[in-house]
Amino acid sequence: LVDDQPLIRMGLRMVLEARGFAVVGEASDGGEAIAQAAALAPDVI
């Protein structure tokens, strides 16, 4: 999950985990997203 607003990320996590998805990480900006994508290899960002 990549969004600069913590509340947006929290809301997405709650909705998606309730539907069985695995949230493997979060990022608050583009630079962090690039690093997290390389480290975590998520299926969908």
All heavy atoms as atom14 arrays in JSON, in Angstrom:
{
  "sequence": "LVDDQPLIRMGLRMVLEARGFAVVGEASDGGEAIAQAAALAPDVI",
  "atom14_mask": [
    [1, 1, 1, 1, 1, 1, 1, 1, 0, 0, 0, 0, 0, 0],
    [1, 1, 1, 1, 1, 1, 1, 0, 0, 0, 0, 0, 0, 0],
    [1, 1, 1, 1, 1, 1, 1, 1, 0, 0, 0, 0, 0, 0],
    [1, 1, 1, 1, 1, 1, 1, 1, 0, 0, 0, 0, 0, 0],
    [1, 1, 1, 1, 1, 1, 1, 1, 1, 0, 0, 0, 0, 0],
    [1, 1, 1, 1, 1, 1, 1, 0, 0, 0, 0, 0, 0, 0],
    [1, 1, 1, 1, 1, 1, 1, 1, 0, 0, 0, 0, 0, 0],
    [1, 1, 1, 1, 1, 1, 1, 1, 0, 0, 0, 0, 0, 0],
    [1, 1, 1, 1, 1, 1, 1, 1, 1, 1, 1, 0, 0, 0],
    [1, 1, 1, 1, 1, 1, 1, 1, 0, 0, 0, 0, 0, 0],
    [1, 1, 1, 1, 0, 0, 0, 0, 0, 0, 0, 0, 0, 0],
    [1, 1, 1, 1, 1, 1, 1, 1, 0, 0, 0, 0, 0, 0],
    [1, 1, 1, 1, 1, 1, 1, 1, 1, 1, 1, 0, 0, 0],
    [1, 1, 1, 1, 1, 1, 1, 1, 0, 0, 0, 0, 0, 0],
    [1, 1, 1, 1, 1, 1, 1, 0, 0, 0, 0, 0, 0, 0],
    [1, 1, 1, 1, 1, 1, 1, 1, 0, 0, 0, 0, 0, 0],
    [1, 1, 1, 1, 1, 1, 1, 1, 1, 0, 0, 0, 0, 0],
    [1, 1, 1, 1, 1, 0, 0, 0, 0, 0, 0, 0, 0, 0],
    [1, 1, 1, 1, 1, 1, 1, 1, 1, 1, 1, 0, 0, 0],
    [1, 1, 1, 1, 0, 0, 0, 0, 0, 0, 0, 0, 0, 0],
    [1, 1, 1, 1, 1, 1, 1, 1, 1, 1, 1, 0, 0, 0],
    [1, 1, 1, 1, 1, 0, 0, 0, 0, 0, 0, 0, 0, 0],
    [1, 1, 1, 1, 1, 1, 1, 0, 0, 0, 0, 0, 0, 0],
    [1, 1, 1, 1, 1, 1, 1, 0, 0, 0, 0, 0, 0, 0],
    [1, 1, 1, 1, 0, 0, 0, 0, 0, 0, 0, 0, 0, 0],
    [1, 1, 1, 1, 1, 1, 1, 1, 1, 0, 0, 0, 0, 0],
    [1, 1, 1, 1, 1, 0, 0, 0, 0, 0, 0, 0, 0, 0],
    [1, 1, 1, 1, 1, 1, 0, 0, 0, 0, 0, 0, 0, 0],
    [1, 1, 1, 1, 1, 1, 1, 1, 0, 0, 0, 0, 0, 0],
    [1, 1, 1, 1, 0, 0, 0, 0, 0, 0, 0, 0, 0, 0],
    [1, 1, 1, 1, 0, 0, 0, 0, 0, 0, 0, 0, 0, 0],
    [1, 1, 1, 1, 1, 1, 1, 1, 1, 0, 0, 0, 0, 0],
    [1, 1, 1, 1, 1, 0, 0, 0, 0, 0, 0, 0, 0, 0],
    [1, 1, 1, 1, 1, 1, 1, 1, 0, 0, 0, 0, 0, 0],
    [1, 1, 1, 1, 1, 0, 0, 0, 0, 0, 0, 0, 0, 0],
    [1, 1, 1, 1, 1, 1, 1, 1, 1, 0, 0, 0, 0, 0],
    [1, 1, 1, 1, 1, 0, 0, 0, 0, 0, 0, 0, 0, 0],
    [1, 1, 1, 1, 1, 0, 0, 0, 0, 0, 0, 0, 0, 0],
    [1, 1, 1, 1, 1, 0, 0, 0, 0, 0, 0, 0, 0, 0],
    [1, 1, 1, 1, 1, 1, 1, 1, 0, 0, 0, 0, 0, 0],
    [1, 1, 1, 1, 1, 0, 0, 0, 0, 0, 0, 0, 0, 0],
    [1, 1, 1, 1, 1, 1, 1, 0, 0, 0, 0, 0, 0, 0],
    [1, 1, 1, 1, 1, 1, 1, 1, 0, 0, 0, 0, 0, 0],
    [1, 1, 1, 1, 1, 1, 1, 0, 0, 0, 0, 0, 0, 0],
    [1, 1, 1, 1, 1, 1, 1, 1, 0, 0, 0, 0, 0, 0]
  ],
  "atom14_positions": [
    [[0.84, -1.19, 0.0], [0.0, 0.0, 0.0], [0.88, 1.25, 0.0], [1.73, 1.41, 0.88], [-0.91, 0.02, 1.23], [-1.71, -1.26, 1.51], [-2.57, -1.08, 2.76], [-2.57, -1.63, 0.3], [0.0, 0.0, 0.0], [0.0, 0.0, 0.0], [0.0, 0.0, 0.0], [0.0, 0.0, 0.0], [0.0, 0.0, 0.0], [0.0, 0.0, 0.0]],
    [[0.67, 2.12, -0.99], [1.49, 3.33, -1.1], [0.59, 4.56, -1.1], [-0.18, 4.79, -2.04], [2.34, 3.3, -2.39], [3.25, 4.54, -2.44], [3.15, 2.02, -2.49], [0.0, 0.0, 0.0], [0.0, 0.0, 0.0], [0.0, 0.0, 0.0], [0.0, 0.0, 0.0], [0.0, 0.0, 0.0], [0.0, 0.0, 0.0], [0.0, 0.0, 0.0]],
    [[0.67, 5.34, -0.03], [-0.13, 6.56, 0.09], [0.51, 7.41, 1.18], [0.96, 6.88, 2.2], [-1.58, 6.23, 0.45], [-2.52, 7.4, 0.22], [-2.39, 8.44, 0.92], [-3.38, 7.3, -0.67], [0.0, 0.0, 0.0], [0.0, 0.0, 0.0], [0.0, 0.0, 0.0], [0.0, 0.0, 0.0], [0.0, 0.0, 0.0], [0.0, 0.0, 0.0]],
    [[0.55, 8.72, 0.99], [1.19, 9.58, 1.98], [0.31, 9.84, 3.19], [0.75, 10.42, 4.18], [1.64, 10.9, 1.34], [0.47, 11.72, 0.81], [-0.45, 11.11, 0.21], [0.47, 12.95, 0.97], [0.0, 0.0, 0.0], [0.0, 0.0, 0.0], [0.0, 0.0, 0.0], [0.0, 0.0, 0.0], [0.0, 0.0, 0.0], [0.0, 0.0, 0.0]],
    [[-0.96, 9.4, 3.13], [-1.86, 9.61, 4.27], [-2.03, 8.31, 5.06], [-2.61, 7.34, 4.56], [-3.22, 10.1, 3.78], [-3.16, 11.43, 3.03], [-4.52, 11.92, 2.62], [-5.45, 11.96, 3.43], [-4.66, 12.3, 1.37], [0.0, 0.0, 0.0], [0.0, 0.0, 0.0], [0.0, 0.0, 0.0], [0.0, 0.0, 0.0], [0.0, 0.0, 0.0]],
    [[-1.55, 8.28, 6.31], [-1.64, 7.07, 7.13], [-3.06, 6.54, 7.29], [-3.28, 5.33, 7.3], [-1.07, 7.52, 8.49], [-0.16, 8.66, 8.15], [-0.84, 9.37, 7.02], [0.0, 0.0, 0.0], [0.0, 0.0, 0.0], [0.0, 0.0, 0.0], [0.0, 0.0, 0.0], [0.0, 0.0, 0.0], [0.0, 0.0, 0.0], [0.0, 0.0, 0.0]],
    [[-4.05, 7.44, 7.39], [-5.42, 6.99, 7.57], [-5.95, 6.27, 6.33], [-6.74, 5.33, 6.44], [-6.33, 8.18, 7.91], [-6.18, 8.76, 9.32], [-7.1, 9.96, 9.51], [-6.48, 7.69, 10.36], [0.0, 0.0, 0.0], [0.0, 0.0, 0.0], [0.0, 0.0, 0.0], [0.0, 0.0, 0.0], [0.0, 0.0, 0.0], [0.0, 0.0, 0.0]],
    [[-5.51, 6.71, 5.16], [-5.91, 6.04, 3.92], [-5.33, 4.64, 3.9], [-6.02, 3.66, 3.59], [-5.43, 6.82, 2.68], [-6.12, 8.19, 2.6], [-5.69, 6.0, 1.41], [-7.6, 8.11, 2.31], [0.0, 0.0, 0.0], [0.0, 0.0, 0.0], [0.0, 0.0, 0.0], [0.0, 0.0, 0.0], [0.0, 0.0, 0.0], [0.0, 0.0, 0.0]],
    [[-4.04, 4.52, 4.25], [-3.4, 3.2, 4.27], [-4.09, 2.29, 5.29], [-4.31, 1.11, 5.04], [-1.92, 3.33, 4.59], [-1.12, 4.12, 3.56], [0.38, 3.83, 3.66], [0.92, 4.02, 4.99], [1.37, 5.17, 5.46], [1.32, 6.27, 4.71], [1.87, 5.26, 6.69], [0.0, 0.0, 0.0], [0.0, 0.0, 0.0], [0.0, 0.0, 0.0]],
    [[-4.41, 2.86, 6.46], [-5.06, 2.06, 7.49], [-6.42, 1.55, 7.01], [-6.77, 0.38, 7.2], [-5.26, 2.9, 8.76], [-5.92, 2.13, 9.91], [-6.27, 3.22, 11.33], [-4.6, 3.74, 11.76], [0.0, 0.0, 0.0], [0.0, 0.0, 0.0], [0.0, 0.0, 0.0], [0.0, 0.0, 0.0], [0.0, 0.0, 0.0], [0.0, 0.0, 0.0]],
    [[-7.2, 2.44, 6.37], [-8.5, 2.04, 5.87], [-8.4, 0.95, 4.8], [-9.16, -0.02, 4.81], [0.0, 0.0, 0.0], [0.0, 0.0, 0.0], [0.0, 0.0, 0.0], [0.0, 0.0, 0.0], [0.0, 0.0, 0.0], [0.0, 0.0, 0.0], [0.0, 0.0, 0.0], [0.0, 0.0, 0.0], [0.0, 0.0, 0.0], [0.0, 0.0, 0.0]],
    [[-7.44, 1.12, 3.89], [-7.25, 0.1, 2.85], [-6.84, -1.23, 3.45], [-7.34, -2.29, 3.06], [-6.17, 0.58, 1.86], [-6.59, 1.66, 0.86], [-5.38, 2.17, 0.1], [-7.64, 1.12, -0.1], [0.0, 0.0, 0.0], [0.0, 0.0, 0.0], [0.0, 0.0, 0.0], [0.0, 0.0, 0.0], [0.0, 0.0, 0.0], [0.0, 0.0, 0.0]],
    [[-5.94, -1.18, 4.41], [-5.49, -2.42, 5.06], [-6.66, -3.15, 5.71], [-6.81, -4.37, 5.56], [-4.4, -2.11, 6.1], [-3.91, -3.36, 6.85], [-2.9, -2.98, 7.92], [-1.58, -2.74, 7.36], [-0.66, -3.67, 7.16], [-0.94, -4.95, 7.44], [0.52, -3.37, 6.67], [0.0, 0.0, 0.0], [0.0, 0.0, 0.0], [0.0, 0.0, 0.0]],
    [[-7.49, -2.41, 6.42], [-8.63, -3.03, 7.1], [-9.58, -3.69, 6.1], [-10.02, -4.82, 6.28], [-9.37, -1.98, 7.93], [-8.6, -1.49, 9.15], [-9.45, -0.14, 10.01], [-10.94, -0.99, 10.54], [0.0, 0.0, 0.0], [0.0, 0.0, 0.0], [0.0, 0.0, 0.0], [0.0, 0.0, 0.0], [0.0, 0.0, 0.0], [0.0, 0.0, 0.0]],
    [[-9.88, -2.96, 5.03], [-10.82, -3.48, 4.03], [-10.24, -4.71, 3.33], [-10.93, -5.73, 3.16], [-11.13, -2.39, 2.98], [-11.85, -3.0, 1.77], [-12.0, -1.3, 3.6], [0.0, 0.0, 0.0], [0.0, 0.0, 0.0], [0.0, 0.0, 0.0], [0.0, 0.0, 0.0], [0.0, 0.0, 0.0], [0.0, 0.0, 0.0], [0.0, 0.0, 0.0]],
    [[-8.98, -4.63, 2.94], [-8.38, -5.7, 2.15], [-8.04, -6.94, 2.97], [-8.22, -8.07, 2.51], [-7.14, -5.17, 1.42], [-7.47, -4.08, 0.39], [-6.21, -3.41, -0.12], [-8.27, -4.67, -0.76], [0.0, 0.0, 0.0], [0.0, 0.0, 0.0], [0.0, 0.0, 0.0], [0.0, 0.0, 0.0], [0.0, 0.0, 0.0], [0.0, 0.0, 0.0]],
    [[-7.56, -6.74, 4.18], [-7.27, -7.9, 5.02], [-8.56, -8.61, 5.41], [-8.58, -9.85, 5.54], [-6.47, -7.48, 6.26], [-5.04, -7.09, 5.93], [-4.2, -6.79, 7.17], [-4.79, -6.45, 8.22], [-2.96, -6.87, 7.07], [0.0, 0.0, 0.0], [0.0, 0.0, 0.0], [0.0, 0.0, 0.0], [0.0, 0.0, 0.0], [0.0, 0.0, 0.0]],
    [[-9.64, -7.85, 5.56], [-10.93, -8.47, 5.89], [-11.42, -9.36, 4.75], [-12.23, -10.27, 4.96], [-11.97, -7.39, 6.18], [0.0, 0.0, 0.0], [0.0, 0.0, 0.0], [0.0, 0.0, 0.0], [0.0, 0.0, 0.0], [0.0, 0.0, 0.0], [0.0, 0.0, 0.0], [0.0, 0.0, 0.0], [0.0, 0.0, 0.0], [0.0, 0.0, 0.0]],
    [[-10.91, -9.09, 3.54], [-11.29, -9.9, 2.39], [-10.23, -10.93, 2.02], [-10.26, -11.5, 0.94], [-11.6, -8.97, 1.2], [-12.96, -8.3, 1.36], [-13.1, -7.06, 0.51], [-14.47, -6.52, 0.65], [-14.91, -5.84, 1.69], [-14.12, -5.63, 2.72], [-16.16, -5.39, 1.73], [0.0, 0.0, 0.0], [0.0, 0.0, 0.0], [0.0, 0.0, 0.0]],
    [[-9.29, -11.14, 2.91], [-8.34, -12.22, 2.74], [-7.03, -11.9, 2.05], [-6.19, -12.78, 1.88], [0.0, 0.0, 0.0], [0.0, 0.0, 0.0], [0.0, 0.0, 0.0], [0.0, 0.0, 0.0], [0.0, 0.0, 0.0], [0.0, 0.0, 0.0], [0.0, 0.0, 0.0], [0.0, 0.0, 0.0], [0.0, 0.0, 0.0], [0.0, 0.0, 0.0]],
    [[-6.83, -10.65, 1.65], [-5.56, -10.3, 1.03], [-4.45, -10.22, 2.08], [-4.71, -9.98, 3.26], [-5.65, -8.93, 0.34], [-6.5, -8.93, -0.91], [-7.82, -8.53, -0.86], [-5.97, -9.33, -2.12], [-8.6, -8.52, -2.0], [-6.74, -9.33, -3.27], [-8.06, -8.92, -3.21], [0.0, 0.0, 0.0], [0.0, 0.0, 0.0], [0.0, 0.0, 0.0]],
    [[-3.23, -10.4, 1.65], [-2.07, -10.28, 2.54], [-1.38, -8.94, 2.26], [-0.79, -8.76, 1.19], [-1.1, -11.43, 2.3], [0.0, 0.0, 0.0], [0.0, 0.0, 0.0], [0.0, 0.0, 0.0], [0.0, 0.0, 0.0], [0.0, 0.0, 0.0], [0.0, 0.0, 0.0], [0.0, 0.0, 0.0], [0.0, 0.0, 0.0], [0.0, 0.0, 0.0]],
    [[-1.49, -7.99, 3.17], [-0.8, -6.71, 3.02], [0.62, -6.91, 3.54], [0.84, -7.01, 4.75], [-1.52, -5.59, 3.8], [-0.73, -4.28, 3.69], [-2.94, -5.4, 3.26], [0.0, 0.0, 0.0], [0.0, 0.0, 0.0], [0.0, 0.0, 0.0], [0.0, 0.0, 0.0], [0.0, 0.0, 0.0], [0.0, 0.0, 0.0], [0.0, 0.0, 0.0]],
    [[1.58, -6.96, 2.63], [2.96, -7.28, 3.0], [3.77, -6.06, 3.39], [4.86, -6.18, 3.97], [3.68, -8.05, 1.88], [2.97, -9.36, 1.6], [3.75, -7.2, 0.6], [0.0, 0.0, 0.0], [0.0, 0.0, 0.0], [0.0, 0.0, 0.0], [0.0, 0.0, 0.0], [0.0, 0.0, 0.0], [0.0, 0.0, 0.0], [0.0, 0.0, 0.0]],
    [[3.27, -4.85, 3.08], [4.02, -3.67, 3.44], [3.29, -2.39, 3.1], [2.24, -2.41, 2.43], [0.0, 0.0, 0.0], [0.0, 0.0, 0.0], [0.0, 0.0, 0.0], [0.0, 0.0, 0.0], [0.0, 0.0, 0.0], [0.0, 0.0, 0.0], [0.0, 0.0, 0.0], [0.0, 0.0, 0.0], [0.0, 0.0, 0.0], [0.0, 0.0, 0.0]],
    [[3.83, -1.26, 3.58], [3.27, 0.06, 3.31], [4.4, 1.03, 3.0], [5.54, 0.82, 3.43], [2.49, 0.58, 4.53], [1.29, -0.26, 4.92], [0.52, 0.36, 6.08], [0.77, 1.55, 6.4], [-0.32, -0.35, 6.69], [0.0, 0.0, 0.0], [0.0, 0.0, 0.0], [0.0, 0.0, 0.0], [0.0, 0.0, 0.0], [0.0, 0.0, 0.0]],
    [[4.07, 2.07, 2.25], [5.04, 3.12, 1.93], [4.31, 4.45, 1.88], [3.13, 4.51, 1.51], [5.73, 2.83, 0.6], [0.0, 0.0, 0.0], [0.0, 0.0, 0.0], [0.0, 0.0, 0.0], [0.0, 0.0, 0.0], [0.0, 0.0, 0.0], [0.0, 0.0, 0.0], [0.0, 0.0, 0.0], [0.0, 0.0, 0.0], [0.0, 0.0, 0.0]],
    [[5.0, 5.52, 2.27], [4.36, 6.82, 2.32], [4.76, 7.76, 1.19], [4.27, 8.88, 1.1], [4.67, 7.5, 3.67], [6.07, 7.65, 3.82], [0.0, 0.0, 0.0], [0.0, 0.0, 0.0], [0.0, 0.0, 0.0], [0.0, 0.0, 0.0], [0.0, 0.0, 0.0], [0.0, 0.0, 0.0], [0.0, 0.0, 0.0], [0.0, 0.0, 0.0]],
    [[5.7, 7.33, 0.34], [6.09, 8.15, -0.81], [6.68, 7.26, -1.9], [6.9, 6.06, -1.69], [7.07, 9.25, -0.41], [8.34, 8.7, 0.23], [8.96, 7.78, -0.34], [8.72, 9.21, 1.3], [0.0, 0.0, 0.0], [0.0, 0.0, 0.0], [0.0, 0.0, 0.0], [0.0, 0.0, 0.0], [0.0, 0.0, 0.0], [0.0, 0.0, 0.0]],
    [[6.95, 7.86, -3.05], [7.43, 7.09, -4.18], [8.77, 6.42, -3.95], [8.98, 5.27, -4.35], [0.0, 0.0, 0.0], [0.0, 0.0, 0.0], [0.0, 0.0, 0.0], [0.0, 0.0, 0.0], [0.0, 0.0, 0.0], [0.0, 0.0, 0.0], [0.0, 0.0, 0.0], [0.0, 0.0, 0.0], [0.0, 0.0, 0.0], [0.0, 0.0, 0.0]],
    [[9.68, 7.12, -3.31], [11.01, 6.56, -3.06], [10.93, 5.33, -2.17], [11.59, 4.31, -2.43], [0.0, 0.0, 0.0], [0.0, 0.0, 0.0], [0.0, 0.0, 0.0], [0.0, 0.0, 0.0], [0.0, 0.0, 0.0], [0.0, 0.0, 0.0], [0.0, 0.0, 0.0], [0.0, 0.0, 0.0], [0.0, 0.0, 0.0], [0.0, 0.0, 0.0]],
    [[10.12, 5.42, -1.13], [9.95, 4.29, -0.22], [9.25, 3.13, -0.94], [9.55, 1.96, -0.7], [9.13, 4.73, 0.99], [9.08, 3.69, 2.11], [8.32, 4.19, 3.33], [7.97, 5.39, 3.37], [8.07, 3.36, 4.23], [0.0, 0.0, 0.0], [0.0, 0.0, 0.0], [0.0, 0.0, 0.0], [0.0, 0.0, 0.0], [0.0, 0.0, 0.0]],
    [[8.34, 3.46, -1.84], [7.63, 2.43, -2.6], [8.59, 1.63, -3.46], [8.49, 0.4, -3.55], [6.56, 3.08, -3.48], [0.0, 0.0, 0.0], [0.0, 0.0, 0.0], [0.0, 0.0, 0.0], [0.0, 0.0, 0.0], [0.0, 0.0, 0.0], [0.0, 0.0, 0.0], [0.0, 0.0, 0.0], [0.0, 0.0, 0.0], [0.0, 0.0, 0.0]],
    [[9.54, 2.29, -4.09], [10.52, 1.61, -4.94], [11.35, 0.64, -4.1], [11.58, -0.51, -4.49], [11.43, 2.65, -5.63], [10.61, 3.51, -6.6], [12.57, 1.95, -6.37], [11.37, 4.7, -7.15], [0.0, 0.0, 0.0], [0.0, 0.0, 0.0], [0.0, 0.0, 0.0], [0.0, 0.0, 0.0], [0.0, 0.0, 0.0], [0.0, 0.0, 0.0]],
    [[11.79, 1.11, -2.93], [12.59, 0.26, -2.05], [11.79, -0.93, -1.53], [12.28, -2.07, -1.51], [13.12, 1.09, -0.88], [0.0, 0.0, 0.0], [0.0, 0.0, 0.0], [0.0, 0.0, 0.0], [0.0, 0.0, 0.0], [0.0, 0.0, 0.0], [0.0, 0.0, 0.0], [0.0, 0.0, 0.0], [0.0, 0.0, 0.0], [0.0, 0.0, 0.0]],
    [[10.54, -0.69, -1.14], [9.69, -1.75, -0.61], [9.36, -2.78, -1.7], [9.27, -3.98, -1.44], [8.4, -1.16, -0.05], [8.6, -0.35, 1.23], [8.63, -1.24, 2.47], [9.44, -2.16, 2.56], [7.75, -0.97, 3.4], [0.0, 0.0, 0.0], [0.0, 0.0, 0.0], [0.0, 0.0, 0.0], [0.0, 0.0, 0.0], [0.0, 0.0, 0.0]],
    [[9.14, -2.3, -2.91], [8.82, -3.21, -4.01], [10.0, -4.15, -4.26], [9.81, -5.35, -4.49], [8.5, -2.42, -5.28], [0.0, 0.0, 0.0], [0.0, 0.0, 0.0], [0.0, 0.0, 0.0], [0.0, 0.0, 0.0], [0.0, 0.0, 0.0], [0.0, 0.0, 0.0], [0.0, 0.0, 0.0], [0.0, 0.0, 0.0], [0.0, 0.0, 0.0]],
    [[11.21, -3.62, -4.21], [12.4, -4.45, -4.42], [12.6, -5.44, -3.29], [12.99, -6.6, -3.51], [13.63, -3.55, -4.57], [0.0, 0.0, 0.0], [0.0, 0.0, 0.0], [0.0, 0.0, 0.0], [0.0, 0.0, 0.0], [0.0, 0.0, 0.0], [0.0, 0.0, 0.0], [0.0, 0.0, 0.0], [0.0, 0.0, 0.0], [0.0, 0.0, 0.0]],
    [[12.32, -5.01, -2.06], [12.56, -5.86, -0.9], [11.47, -6.9, -0.68], [11.76, -8.03, -0.27], [12.69, -4.99, 0.36], [0.0, 0.0, 0.0], [0.0, 0.0, 0.0], [0.0, 0.0, 0.0], [0.0, 0.0, 0.0], [0.0, 0.0, 0.0], [0.0, 0.0, 0.0], [0.0, 0.0, 0.0], [0.0, 0.0, 0.0], [0.0, 0.0, 0.0]],
    [[10.23, -6.55, -0.98], [9.11, -7.42, -0.64], [8.51, -8.19, -1.82], [7.79, -9.16, -1.63], [7.99, -6.59, 0.01], [8.39, -5.83, 1.29], [7.26, -4.91, 1.72], [8.74, -6.81, 2.4], [0.0, 0.0, 0.0], [0.0, 0.0, 0.0], [0.0, 0.0, 0.0], [0.0, 0.0, 0.0], [0.0, 0.0, 0.0], [0.0, 0.0, 0.0]],
    [[8.8, -7.74, -3.04], [8.26, -8.37, -4.25], [6.75, -8.62, -4.15], [6.29, -9.76, -4.32], [9.0, -9.68, -4.53], [0.0, 0.0, 0.0], [0.0, 0.0, 0.0], [0.0, 0.0, 0.0], [0.0, 0.0, 0.0], [0.0, 0.0, 0.0], [0.0, 0.0, 0.0], [0.0, 0.0, 0.0], [0.0, 0.0, 0.0], [0.0, 0.0, 0.0]],
    [[5.95, -7.59, -3.89], [4.5, -7.79, -3.79], [3.9, -8.14, -5.15], [4.46, -7.8, -6.19], [4.0, -6.41, -3.32], [5.01, -5.46, -3.88], [6.32, -6.17, -3.75], [0.0, 0.0, 0.0], [0.0, 0.0, 0.0], [0.0, 0.0, 0.0], [0.0, 0.0, 0.0], [0.0, 0.0, 0.0], [0.0, 0.0, 0.0], [0.0, 0.0, 0.0]],
    [[2.78, -8.84, -5.12], [2.1, -9.17, -6.37], [1.47, -7.92, -6.99], [1.55, -7.7, -8.2], [1.01, -10.21, -6.12], [1.57, -11.51, -5.59], [2.43, -12.1, -6.26], [1.15, -11.93, -4.49], [0.0, 0.0, 0.0], [0.0, 0.0, 0.0], [0.0, 0.0, 0.0], [0.0, 0.0, 0.0], [0.0, 0.0, 0.0], [0.0, 0.0, 0.0]],
    [[0.83, -7.12, -6.14], [0.15, -5.91, -6.6], [0.5, -4.74, -5.68], [0.52, -4.9, -4.46], [-1.38, -6.1, -6.64], [-2.08, -4.8, -7.05], [-1.77, -7.22, -7.59], [0.0, 0.0, 0.0], [0.0, 0.0, 0.0], [0.0, 0.0, 0.0], [0.0, 0.0, 0.0], [0.0, 0.0, 0.0], [0.0, 0.0, 0.0], [0.0, 0.0, 0.0]],
    [[0.76, -3.6, -6.28], [1.03, -2.38, -5.53], [-0.11, -1.4, -5.75], [-0.42, -1.06, -6.89], [2.36, -1.73, -5.98], [3.53, -2.7, -5.78], [2.6, -0.42, -5.23], [4.82, -2.24, -6.41], [0.0, 0.0, 0.0], [0.0, 0.0, 0.0], [0.0, 0.0, 0.0], [0.0, 0.0, 0.0], [0.0, 0.0, 0.0], [0.0, 0.0, 0.0]]
  ]
}
